Amino acid sequence: MKTLTHNKQQGVALVISLIILVSLTMLGLTSMQRTTTDLAIAGNQRESGLMFQAAEAGLITSENFIVNSTSNGDFNDPTEGLYTVPSNDPAYTSINYLSKTSWANNVSGTAGTTLQAYEQPRYLAEYLGDRSQNALAAINIGGYGNQQTGKTVSIYRATARGVGLTGNSFRFVQSYFGKDAP
């Protein structure tokens, strides 16, 4: 007598193989999507780090210019990114940082040569005035405190703009800087 169980099992191997094949395909597609996402995240982190490094290079150059300036009159050349904030204008609004015309290509090539950025870092340096003359300059910067020791302290705002590798994004870094008036 023949058993019927042999005839009933003829398509089961094919169905199980197809289920396993579909499962492995889904697993492969998920792995590819995750790898693509991880690559995008790594690229964004690299771009962000490069923008920050470029902005820091610009900020260092700006602060070096401020330290080495011998006169507050040096801050009257917008083509070089150097501005003086009027002390008698309480309605003064800062420079339009998003406008490319406000920025000068004033960071030397040495500041950005090791950076493989889309463009060189740029900076603005604003002379806010002496702390006793301008309300904008009446800020408390570490080391100077609220009490002055008879010296006139000039306050500056340095702003730098760094661009990443692609040129599609940028980062601003800003610092306030005080030094004894020249």
N, C-alpha and C. Protein backbone atom coordinates (compact mmCIF):
# COMPACT_ATOMS: atom_id res chain seq x y z
N MET A 1 0.81 -1.16 0.00
CA MET A 1 0.00 0.00 0.00
C MET A 1 0.88 1.25 0.00
N LYS A 2 0.51 2.23 -0.80
CA LYS A 2 1.27 3.47 -0.92
C LYS A 2 0.78 4.47 0.11
N THR A 3 1.74 5.24 0.62
CA THR A 3 1.34 6.30 1.55
C THR A 3 1.18 7.60 0.79
N LEU A 4 0.25 8.41 1.21
CA LEU A 4 -0.05 9.68 0.56
C LEU A 4 0.78 10.84 1.12
N THR A 5 1.50 10.58 2.18
CA THR A 5 2.28 11.66 2.78
C THR A 5 3.39 12.14 1.87
N HIS A 6 3.93 11.28 1.03
CA HIS A 6 5.00 11.68 0.12
C HIS A 6 4.48 12.69 -0.91
N ASN A 7 3.32 12.52 -1.40
CA ASN A 7 2.74 13.44 -2.39
C ASN A 7 2.40 14.80 -1.78
N LYS A 8 2.03 14.84 -0.53
CA LYS A 8 1.65 16.09 0.12
C LYS A 8 2.87 16.98 0.42
N GLN A 9 4.07 16.44 0.47
CA GLN A 9 5.25 17.20 0.84
C GLN A 9 6.02 17.73 -0.37
N GLN A 10 5.55 17.63 -1.55
CA GLN A 10 6.33 17.99 -2.73
C GLN A 10 6.56 19.50 -2.90
N GLY A 11 5.78 20.44 -2.42
CA GLY A 11 5.98 21.88 -2.60
C GLY A 11 6.46 22.60 -1.34
N VAL A 12 6.59 21.88 -0.24
CA VAL A 12 6.94 22.50 1.03
C VAL A 12 8.38 23.04 1.00
N ALA A 13 9.31 22.36 0.40
CA ALA A 13 10.71 22.80 0.34
C ALA A 13 10.82 24.11 -0.45
N LEU A 14 10.05 24.22 -1.51
CA LEU A 14 10.07 25.45 -2.31
C LEU A 14 9.52 26.63 -1.51
N VAL A 15 8.44 26.46 -0.81
CA VAL A 15 7.84 27.53 -0.02
C VAL A 15 8.78 27.96 1.11
N ILE A 16 9.38 27.02 1.78
CA ILE A 16 10.32 27.35 2.86
C ILE A 16 11.54 28.08 2.29
N SER A 17 12.04 27.65 1.15
CA SER A 17 13.18 28.32 0.52
C SER A 17 12.83 29.76 0.14
N LEU A 18 11.63 29.99 -0.38
CA LEU A 18 11.20 31.34 -0.73
C LEU A 18 11.07 32.23 0.50
N ILE A 19 10.56 31.70 1.58
CA ILE A 19 10.42 32.47 2.81
C ILE A 19 11.81 32.87 3.33
N ILE A 20 12.75 31.94 3.31
CA ILE A 20 14.11 32.23 3.76
C ILE A 20 14.76 33.26 2.84
N LEU A 21 14.56 33.14 1.52
CA LEU A 21 15.13 34.07 0.56
C LEU A 21 14.57 35.49 0.75
N VAL A 22 13.26 35.61 0.98
CA VAL A 22 12.66 36.92 1.23
C VAL A 22 13.19 37.51 2.53
N SER A 23 13.35 36.72 3.55
CA SER A 23 13.88 37.19 4.84
C SER A 23 15.31 37.71 4.69
N LEU A 24 16.14 36.97 3.96
CA LEU A 24 17.52 37.41 3.75
C LEU A 24 17.58 38.67 2.90
N THR A 25 16.69 38.80 1.92
CA THR A 25 16.65 40.01 1.10
C THR A 25 16.27 41.22 1.94
N MET A 26 15.29 41.07 2.80
CA MET A 26 14.88 42.17 3.69
C MET A 26 16.01 42.55 4.64
N LEU A 27 16.71 41.57 5.16
CA LEU A 27 17.83 41.83 6.05
C LEU A 27 18.95 42.58 5.30
N GLY A 28 19.23 42.19 4.07
CA GLY A 28 20.24 42.87 3.26
C GLY A 28 19.85 44.31 2.94
N LEU A 29 18.58 44.54 2.59
CA LEU A 29 18.12 45.90 2.30
C LEU A 29 18.19 46.80 3.53
N THR A 30 17.82 46.26 4.68
CA THR A 30 17.90 47.03 5.92
C THR A 30 19.35 47.39 6.25
N SER A 31 20.26 46.45 6.04
CA SER A 31 21.68 46.73 6.30
C SER A 31 22.21 47.80 5.36
N MET A 32 21.81 47.75 4.09
CA MET A 32 22.25 48.77 3.13
C MET A 32 21.71 50.15 3.51
N GLN A 33 20.45 50.21 3.94
CA GLN A 33 19.87 51.50 4.34
C GLN A 33 20.58 52.05 5.57
N ARG A 34 20.88 51.21 6.51
CA ARG A 34 21.58 51.66 7.71
C ARG A 34 22.99 52.15 7.37
N THR A 35 23.68 51.46 6.49
CA THR A 35 25.02 51.89 6.08
C THR A 35 24.96 53.25 5.39
N THR A 36 23.97 53.46 4.55
CA THR A 36 23.80 54.75 3.87
C THR A 36 23.55 55.86 4.89
N THR A 37 22.71 55.60 5.87
CA THR A 37 22.42 56.57 6.92
C THR A 37 23.68 56.87 7.74
N ASP A 38 24.43 55.85 8.10
CA ASP A 38 25.67 56.04 8.87
C ASP A 38 26.68 56.87 8.07
N LEU A 39 26.76 56.63 6.77
CA LEU A 39 27.66 57.41 5.93
C LEU A 39 27.25 58.88 5.89
N ALA A 40 25.96 59.14 5.80
CA ALA A 40 25.47 60.53 5.80
C ALA A 40 25.77 61.21 7.13
N ILE A 41 25.59 60.50 8.23
CA ILE A 41 25.88 61.07 9.55
C ILE A 41 27.37 61.38 9.67
N ALA A 42 28.23 60.48 9.22
CA ALA A 42 29.68 60.72 9.29
C ALA A 42 30.07 61.91 8.43
N GLY A 43 29.47 62.05 7.25
CA GLY A 43 29.76 63.20 6.40
C GLY A 43 29.32 64.50 7.03
N ASN A 44 28.16 64.50 7.67
CA ASN A 44 27.67 65.70 8.35
C ASN A 44 28.57 66.07 9.53
N GLN A 45 29.04 65.08 10.26
CA GLN A 45 29.95 65.36 11.38
C GLN A 45 31.27 65.93 10.88
N ARG A 46 31.76 65.42 9.77
CA ARG A 46 33.01 65.96 9.19
C ARG A 46 32.79 67.40 8.74
N GLU A 47 31.68 67.67 8.08
CA GLU A 47 31.36 69.02 7.62
C GLU A 47 31.25 69.98 8.80
N SER A 48 30.58 69.55 9.84
CA SER A 48 30.41 70.39 11.03
C SER A 48 31.75 70.68 11.70
N GLY A 49 32.58 69.68 11.82
CA GLY A 49 33.90 69.88 12.43
C GLY A 49 34.78 70.81 11.60
N LEU A 50 34.73 70.67 10.29
CA LEU A 50 35.52 71.52 9.41
C LEU A 50 35.04 72.97 9.47
N MET A 51 33.72 73.16 9.52
CA MET A 51 33.19 74.53 9.65
C MET A 51 33.66 75.17 10.94
N PHE A 52 33.62 74.41 12.03
CA PHE A 52 34.03 74.95 13.32
C PHE A 52 35.53 75.28 13.32
N GLN A 53 36.36 74.41 12.76
CA GLN A 53 37.80 74.67 12.69
C GLN A 53 38.09 75.91 11.86
N ALA A 54 37.38 76.06 10.75
CA ALA A 54 37.58 77.24 9.90
C ALA A 54 37.17 78.50 10.64
N ALA A 55 36.03 78.45 11.33
CA ALA A 55 35.57 79.62 12.09
C ALA A 55 36.55 79.95 13.22
N GLU A 56 37.08 78.96 13.88
CA GLU A 56 38.06 79.19 14.94
C GLU A 56 39.33 79.82 14.37
N ALA A 57 39.76 79.39 13.18
CA ALA A 57 40.94 80.00 12.55
C ALA A 57 40.68 81.47 12.27
N GLY A 58 39.48 81.78 11.80
CA GLY A 58 39.13 83.18 11.57
C GLY A 58 39.08 83.98 12.85
N LEU A 59 38.55 83.38 13.91
CA LEU A 59 38.46 84.07 15.19
C LEU A 59 39.86 84.36 15.76
N ILE A 60 40.75 83.40 15.64
CA ILE A 60 42.12 83.61 16.11
C ILE A 60 42.79 84.74 15.33
N THR A 61 42.58 84.77 14.02
CA THR A 61 43.16 85.83 13.20
C THR A 61 42.59 87.18 13.61
N SER A 62 41.28 87.22 13.86
CA SER A 62 40.63 88.47 14.28
C SER A 62 41.19 88.95 15.62
N GLU A 63 41.30 88.06 16.57
CA GLU A 63 41.81 88.44 17.89
C GLU A 63 43.27 88.87 17.80
N ASN A 64 44.05 88.23 16.93
CA ASN A 64 45.44 88.66 16.74
C ASN A 64 45.50 90.06 16.14
N PHE A 65 44.58 90.37 15.22
CA PHE A 65 44.55 91.71 14.65
C PHE A 65 44.23 92.74 15.74
N ILE A 66 43.26 92.40 16.59
CA ILE A 66 42.87 93.32 17.66
C ILE A 66 44.05 93.55 18.61
N VAL A 67 44.73 92.50 19.00
CA VAL A 67 45.87 92.62 19.91
C VAL A 67 46.96 93.49 19.30
N ASN A 68 47.21 93.32 18.01
CA ASN A 68 48.31 94.02 17.36
C ASN A 68 47.93 95.40 16.83
N SER A 69 46.65 95.77 16.89
CA SER A 69 46.27 97.10 16.41
C SER A 69 46.80 98.16 17.37
N THR A 70 47.28 99.24 16.80
CA THR A 70 47.86 100.30 17.63
C THR A 70 46.92 101.47 17.82
N SER A 71 45.80 101.46 17.09
CA SER A 71 44.86 102.57 17.19
C SER A 71 43.44 102.05 16.95
N ASN A 72 42.49 102.61 17.68
CA ASN A 72 41.10 102.23 17.43
C ASN A 72 40.60 102.79 16.10
N GLY A 73 41.37 103.69 15.51
CA GLY A 73 41.05 104.19 14.18
C GLY A 73 41.24 103.14 13.10
N ASP A 74 41.93 102.05 13.43
CA ASP A 74 42.10 100.96 12.47
C ASP A 74 40.77 100.30 12.12
N PHE A 75 39.75 100.52 12.94
CA PHE A 75 38.48 99.83 12.77
C PHE A 75 37.47 100.68 11.99
N ASN A 76 37.91 101.26 10.90
CA ASN A 76 37.03 102.09 10.06
C ASN A 76 37.14 101.70 8.60
N ASP A 77 37.36 100.43 8.32
CA ASP A 77 37.50 99.99 6.94
C ASP A 77 36.62 98.76 6.68
N PRO A 78 35.35 98.99 6.30
CA PRO A 78 34.46 97.85 6.06
C PRO A 78 34.95 96.90 4.96
N THR A 79 35.76 97.39 4.02
CA THR A 79 36.27 96.50 2.98
C THR A 79 37.23 95.47 3.55
N GLU A 80 37.77 95.75 4.72
CA GLU A 80 38.65 94.80 5.42
C GLU A 80 37.93 94.09 6.57
N GLY A 81 36.62 94.31 6.68
CA GLY A 81 35.86 93.69 7.76
C GLY A 81 36.08 94.34 9.11
N LEU A 82 36.44 95.63 9.12
CA LEU A 82 36.73 96.35 10.35
C LEU A 82 35.72 97.47 10.52
N TYR A 83 35.02 97.46 11.65
CA TYR A 83 33.93 98.40 11.88
C TYR A 83 34.07 99.07 13.24
N THR A 84 33.55 100.28 13.33
CA THR A 84 33.44 100.98 14.61
C THR A 84 31.96 101.19 14.86
N VAL A 85 31.52 100.78 16.04
CA VAL A 85 30.12 100.94 16.41
C VAL A 85 29.94 102.36 16.95
N PRO A 86 28.98 103.12 16.42
CA PRO A 86 28.79 104.49 16.90
C PRO A 86 28.32 104.50 18.35
N SER A 87 28.99 105.29 19.19
CA SER A 87 28.67 105.30 20.61
C SER A 87 27.41 106.11 20.92
N ASN A 88 27.00 106.97 20.01
CA ASN A 88 25.84 107.82 20.28
C ASN A 88 24.58 107.33 19.58
N ASP A 89 24.57 106.09 19.11
CA ASP A 89 23.41 105.56 18.40
C ASP A 89 22.83 104.38 19.17
N PRO A 90 21.86 104.62 20.05
CA PRO A 90 21.30 103.52 20.84
C PRO A 90 20.50 102.53 19.99
N ALA A 91 20.11 102.93 18.79
CA ALA A 91 19.34 102.05 17.92
C ALA A 91 20.23 101.23 17.00
N TYR A 92 21.54 101.24 17.25
CA TYR A 92 22.47 100.52 16.38
C TYR A 92 22.12 99.04 16.34
N THR A 93 22.05 98.52 15.16
CA THR A 93 21.91 97.07 15.00
C THR A 93 23.19 96.56 14.38
N SER A 94 23.55 95.40 14.74
CA SER A 94 24.81 94.83 14.30
C SER A 94 24.83 94.63 12.79
N ILE A 95 25.96 94.29 12.30
CA ILE A 95 26.17 94.05 10.88
C ILE A 95 25.33 92.84 10.45
N ASN A 96 24.90 92.84 9.21
CA ASN A 96 24.17 91.71 8.66
C ASN A 96 25.16 90.58 8.38
N TYR A 97 25.22 89.64 9.29
CA TYR A 97 26.19 88.55 9.17
C TYR A 97 25.88 87.61 8.01
N LEU A 98 24.65 87.61 7.53
CA LEU A 98 24.29 86.71 6.45
C LEU A 98 24.60 87.28 5.07
N SER A 99 24.90 88.56 5.00
CA SER A 99 25.23 89.19 3.72
C SER A 99 26.71 89.02 3.43
N LYS A 100 27.01 88.48 2.25
CA LYS A 100 28.41 88.27 1.90
C LYS A 100 29.17 89.57 1.73
N THR A 101 28.45 90.65 1.46
CA THR A 101 29.13 91.93 1.26
C THR A 101 29.69 92.48 2.57
N SER A 102 29.20 92.00 3.72
CA SER A 102 29.71 92.47 5.01
C SER A 102 31.07 91.85 5.34
N TRP A 103 31.37 90.75 4.72
CA TRP A 103 32.58 90.00 5.04
C TRP A 103 33.67 90.31 4.03
N ALA A 104 34.86 90.48 4.51
CA ALA A 104 36.00 90.64 3.62
C ALA A 104 36.83 89.36 3.66
N ASN A 105 37.49 89.05 2.58
CA ASN A 105 38.41 87.92 2.56
C ASN A 105 39.70 88.35 3.24
N ASN A 106 39.66 88.42 4.55
CA ASN A 106 40.78 89.02 5.25
C ASN A 106 41.55 88.05 6.14
N VAL A 107 41.33 86.76 6.00
CA VAL A 107 42.11 85.80 6.75
C VAL A 107 43.24 85.35 5.84
N SER A 108 44.45 85.44 6.33
CA SER A 108 45.60 85.08 5.51
C SER A 108 45.53 83.61 5.13
N GLY A 109 46.20 83.28 4.05
CA GLY A 109 46.19 81.90 3.57
C GLY A 109 46.74 80.91 4.58
N THR A 110 47.63 81.36 5.46
CA THR A 110 48.21 80.43 6.43
C THR A 110 47.19 79.98 7.46
N ALA A 111 46.16 80.79 7.69
CA ALA A 111 45.17 80.41 8.71
C ALA A 111 44.31 79.26 8.23
N GLY A 112 44.14 79.10 6.93
CA GLY A 112 43.24 78.06 6.45
C GLY A 112 43.87 77.05 5.51
N THR A 113 45.19 77.04 5.38
CA THR A 113 45.79 76.13 4.41
C THR A 113 45.66 74.68 4.81
N THR A 114 45.69 74.37 6.09
CA THR A 114 45.55 72.98 6.49
C THR A 114 44.09 72.55 6.48
N LEU A 115 43.19 73.49 6.39
CA LEU A 115 41.78 73.17 6.29
C LEU A 115 41.44 72.94 4.83
N GLN A 116 40.75 71.91 4.53
CA GLN A 116 40.35 71.67 3.16
C GLN A 116 38.94 72.19 2.96
N ALA A 117 38.74 73.42 3.34
CA ALA A 117 37.42 74.04 3.29
C ALA A 117 37.15 74.57 1.89
N TYR A 118 35.89 74.81 1.61
CA TYR A 118 35.45 75.32 0.32
C TYR A 118 36.00 76.72 0.06
N GLU A 119 36.10 77.52 1.12
CA GLU A 119 36.69 78.86 1.00
C GLU A 119 37.39 79.21 2.30
N GLN A 120 38.25 80.21 2.24
CA GLN A 120 38.99 80.63 3.42
C GLN A 120 38.05 81.21 4.47
N PRO A 121 38.41 81.06 5.74
CA PRO A 121 37.61 81.69 6.80
C PRO A 121 37.64 83.21 6.66
N ARG A 122 36.60 83.85 7.14
CA ARG A 122 36.51 85.31 7.11
C ARG A 122 36.19 85.80 8.51
N TYR A 123 36.52 87.07 8.76
CA TYR A 123 36.17 87.61 10.06
C TYR A 123 35.74 89.05 9.96
N LEU A 124 35.06 89.48 10.99
CA LEU A 124 34.71 90.88 11.22
C LEU A 124 35.26 91.25 12.58
N ALA A 125 35.74 92.46 12.69
CA ALA A 125 36.17 92.96 14.00
C ALA A 125 35.47 94.29 14.21
N GLU A 126 34.74 94.38 15.31
CA GLU A 126 34.00 95.61 15.62
C GLU A 126 34.58 96.23 16.89
N TYR A 127 34.92 97.50 16.79
CA TYR A 127 35.33 98.26 17.97
C TYR A 127 34.06 98.82 18.58
N LEU A 128 33.73 98.35 19.78
CA LEU A 128 32.49 98.77 20.44
C LEU A 128 32.66 100.05 21.23
N GLY A 129 33.87 100.46 21.42
CA GLY A 129 34.13 101.68 22.19
C GLY A 129 34.79 101.35 23.50
N ASP A 130 35.12 102.40 24.21
CA ASP A 130 35.66 102.21 25.55
C ASP A 130 34.49 101.93 26.48
N ARG A 131 34.73 101.14 27.47
CA ARG A 131 33.64 100.66 28.31
C ARG A 131 32.87 101.78 28.96
N SER A 132 33.49 102.87 29.23
CA SER A 132 32.79 103.97 29.89
C SER A 132 32.04 104.86 28.90
N GLN A 133 32.24 104.68 27.59
CA GLN A 133 31.65 105.56 26.59
C GLN A 133 30.44 105.00 25.88
N ASN A 134 30.31 103.69 25.80
CA ASN A 134 29.29 103.09 24.96
C ASN A 134 28.55 102.02 25.74
N ALA A 135 27.23 102.08 25.73
CA ALA A 135 26.43 101.10 26.46
C ALA A 135 26.66 99.68 25.93
N LEU A 136 26.93 99.55 24.63
CA LEU A 136 27.21 98.24 24.07
C LEU A 136 28.51 97.65 24.61
N ALA A 137 29.44 98.52 24.99
CA ALA A 137 30.73 98.06 25.50
C ALA A 137 30.71 97.80 27.00
N ALA A 138 29.62 98.13 27.67
CA ALA A 138 29.53 97.98 29.12
C ALA A 138 29.16 96.54 29.47
N ILE A 139 29.98 95.62 29.06
CA ILE A 139 29.76 94.21 29.38
C ILE A 139 30.87 93.77 30.32
N ASN A 140 30.60 92.74 31.07
CA ASN A 140 31.57 92.24 32.02
C ASN A 140 32.35 91.10 31.36
N ILE A 141 33.58 91.38 31.00
CA ILE A 141 34.44 90.37 30.40
C ILE A 141 35.37 89.87 31.49
N GLY A 142 35.54 88.56 31.55
CA GLY A 142 36.37 87.96 32.57
C GLY A 142 37.71 88.65 32.72
N GLY A 143 38.10 88.94 33.95
CA GLY A 143 39.38 89.58 34.21
C GLY A 143 39.27 91.08 34.34
N TYR A 144 38.19 91.66 33.83
CA TYR A 144 38.03 93.11 33.91
C TYR A 144 36.99 93.50 34.97
N GLY A 145 36.01 92.63 35.18
CA GLY A 145 35.02 92.87 36.23
C GLY A 145 34.27 94.18 36.05
N ASN A 146 33.56 94.58 37.08
CA ASN A 146 32.78 95.81 37.04
C ASN A 146 33.59 97.02 37.49
N GLN A 147 34.68 96.78 38.17
CA GLN A 147 35.48 97.90 38.65
C GLN A 147 36.69 98.10 37.75
N GLN A 148 36.91 99.34 37.36
CA GLN A 148 38.08 99.63 36.56
C GLN A 148 39.15 100.21 37.46
N THR A 149 40.37 99.90 37.12
CA THR A 149 41.49 100.31 37.95
C THR A 149 42.14 101.58 37.44
N GLY A 150 41.38 102.46 36.84
CA GLY A 150 41.93 103.70 36.31
C GLY A 150 42.37 103.58 34.87
N LYS A 151 42.39 102.37 34.33
CA LYS A 151 42.76 102.17 32.94
C LYS A 151 41.50 102.21 32.08
N THR A 152 41.64 102.68 30.88
CA THR A 152 40.53 102.66 29.94
C THR A 152 40.58 101.34 29.18
N VAL A 153 39.47 100.63 29.20
CA VAL A 153 39.39 99.34 28.55
C VAL A 153 38.57 99.49 27.27
N SER A 154 39.17 99.12 26.15
CA SER A 154 38.46 99.13 24.87
C SER A 154 37.88 97.74 24.66
N ILE A 155 36.63 97.71 24.19
CA ILE A 155 35.93 96.45 23.99
C ILE A 155 35.73 96.23 22.49
N TYR A 156 35.97 95.00 22.07
CA TYR A 156 35.84 94.61 20.67
C TYR A 156 34.98 93.36 20.57
N ARG A 157 34.30 93.23 19.44
CA ARG A 157 33.55 92.00 19.16
C ARG A 157 34.15 91.40 17.90
N ALA A 158 34.66 90.20 18.02
CA ALA A 158 35.23 89.49 16.88
C ALA A 158 34.26 88.40 16.46
N THR A 159 33.96 88.35 15.18
CA THR A 159 33.05 87.35 14.64
C THR A 159 33.74 86.69 13.46
N ALA A 160 33.70 85.37 13.41
CA ALA A 160 34.32 84.64 12.31
C ALA A 160 33.29 83.75 11.65
N ARG A 161 33.52 83.52 10.37
CA ARG A 161 32.62 82.70 9.55
C ARG A 161 33.46 81.62 8.89
N GLY A 162 33.11 80.37 9.17
CA GLY A 162 33.80 79.24 8.57
C GLY A 162 32.87 78.45 7.68
N VAL A 163 33.40 77.99 6.56
CA VAL A 163 32.63 77.22 5.59
C VAL A 163 33.19 75.81 5.56
N GLY A 164 32.32 74.86 5.33
CA GLY A 164 32.74 73.46 5.28
C GLY A 164 33.32 73.06 3.95
N LEU A 165 33.38 71.77 3.72
CA LEU A 165 33.99 71.21 2.53
C LEU A 165 33.15 71.46 1.28
N THR A 166 31.84 71.46 1.43
CA THR A 166 30.96 71.56 0.26
C THR A 166 30.59 73.00 -0.08
N GLY A 167 30.69 73.91 0.87
CA GLY A 167 30.29 75.29 0.64
C GLY A 167 28.79 75.50 0.80
N ASN A 168 28.07 74.49 1.20
CA ASN A 168 26.62 74.59 1.36
C ASN A 168 26.20 75.06 2.74
N SER A 169 27.12 75.10 3.67
CA SER A 169 26.76 75.49 5.03
C SER A 169 27.93 76.25 5.65
N PHE A 170 27.62 77.00 6.71
CA PHE A 170 28.65 77.79 7.37
C PHE A 170 28.32 77.89 8.83
N ARG A 171 29.34 78.29 9.61
CA ARG A 171 29.18 78.42 11.05
C ARG A 171 29.82 79.72 11.49
N PHE A 172 29.16 80.38 12.45
CA PHE A 172 29.68 81.62 13.02
C PHE A 172 30.19 81.33 14.43
N VAL A 173 31.29 81.98 14.77
CA VAL A 173 31.83 81.95 16.12
C VAL A 173 32.10 83.40 16.50
N GLN A 174 31.73 83.77 17.72
CA GLN A 174 31.87 85.16 18.12
C GLN A 174 32.47 85.24 19.51
N SER A 175 33.30 86.25 19.71
CA SER A 175 33.85 86.48 21.05
C SER A 175 33.94 87.98 21.30
N TYR A 176 33.91 88.32 22.57
CA TYR A 176 34.14 89.71 22.98
C TYR A 176 35.55 89.76 23.55
N PHE A 177 36.20 90.86 23.29
CA PHE A 177 37.61 90.96 23.60
C PHE A 177 37.86 92.33 24.21
N GLY A 178 38.53 92.38 25.32
CA GLY A 178 38.85 93.65 25.96
C GLY A 178 40.36 93.81 26.09
N LYS A 179 40.83 95.03 25.86
CA LYS A 179 42.25 95.30 26.07
C LYS A 179 42.39 96.75 26.52
N ASP A 180 43.50 97.02 27.14
CA ASP A 180 43.78 98.40 27.55
C ASP A 180 43.80 99.27 26.32
N ALA A 181 43.14 100.41 26.40
CA ALA A 181 43.04 101.31 25.26
C ALA A 181 44.44 101.72 24.80
N PRO A 182 44.61 101.79 23.46
CA PRO A 182 45.93 102.20 22.95
C PRO A 182 46.19 103.67 23.22
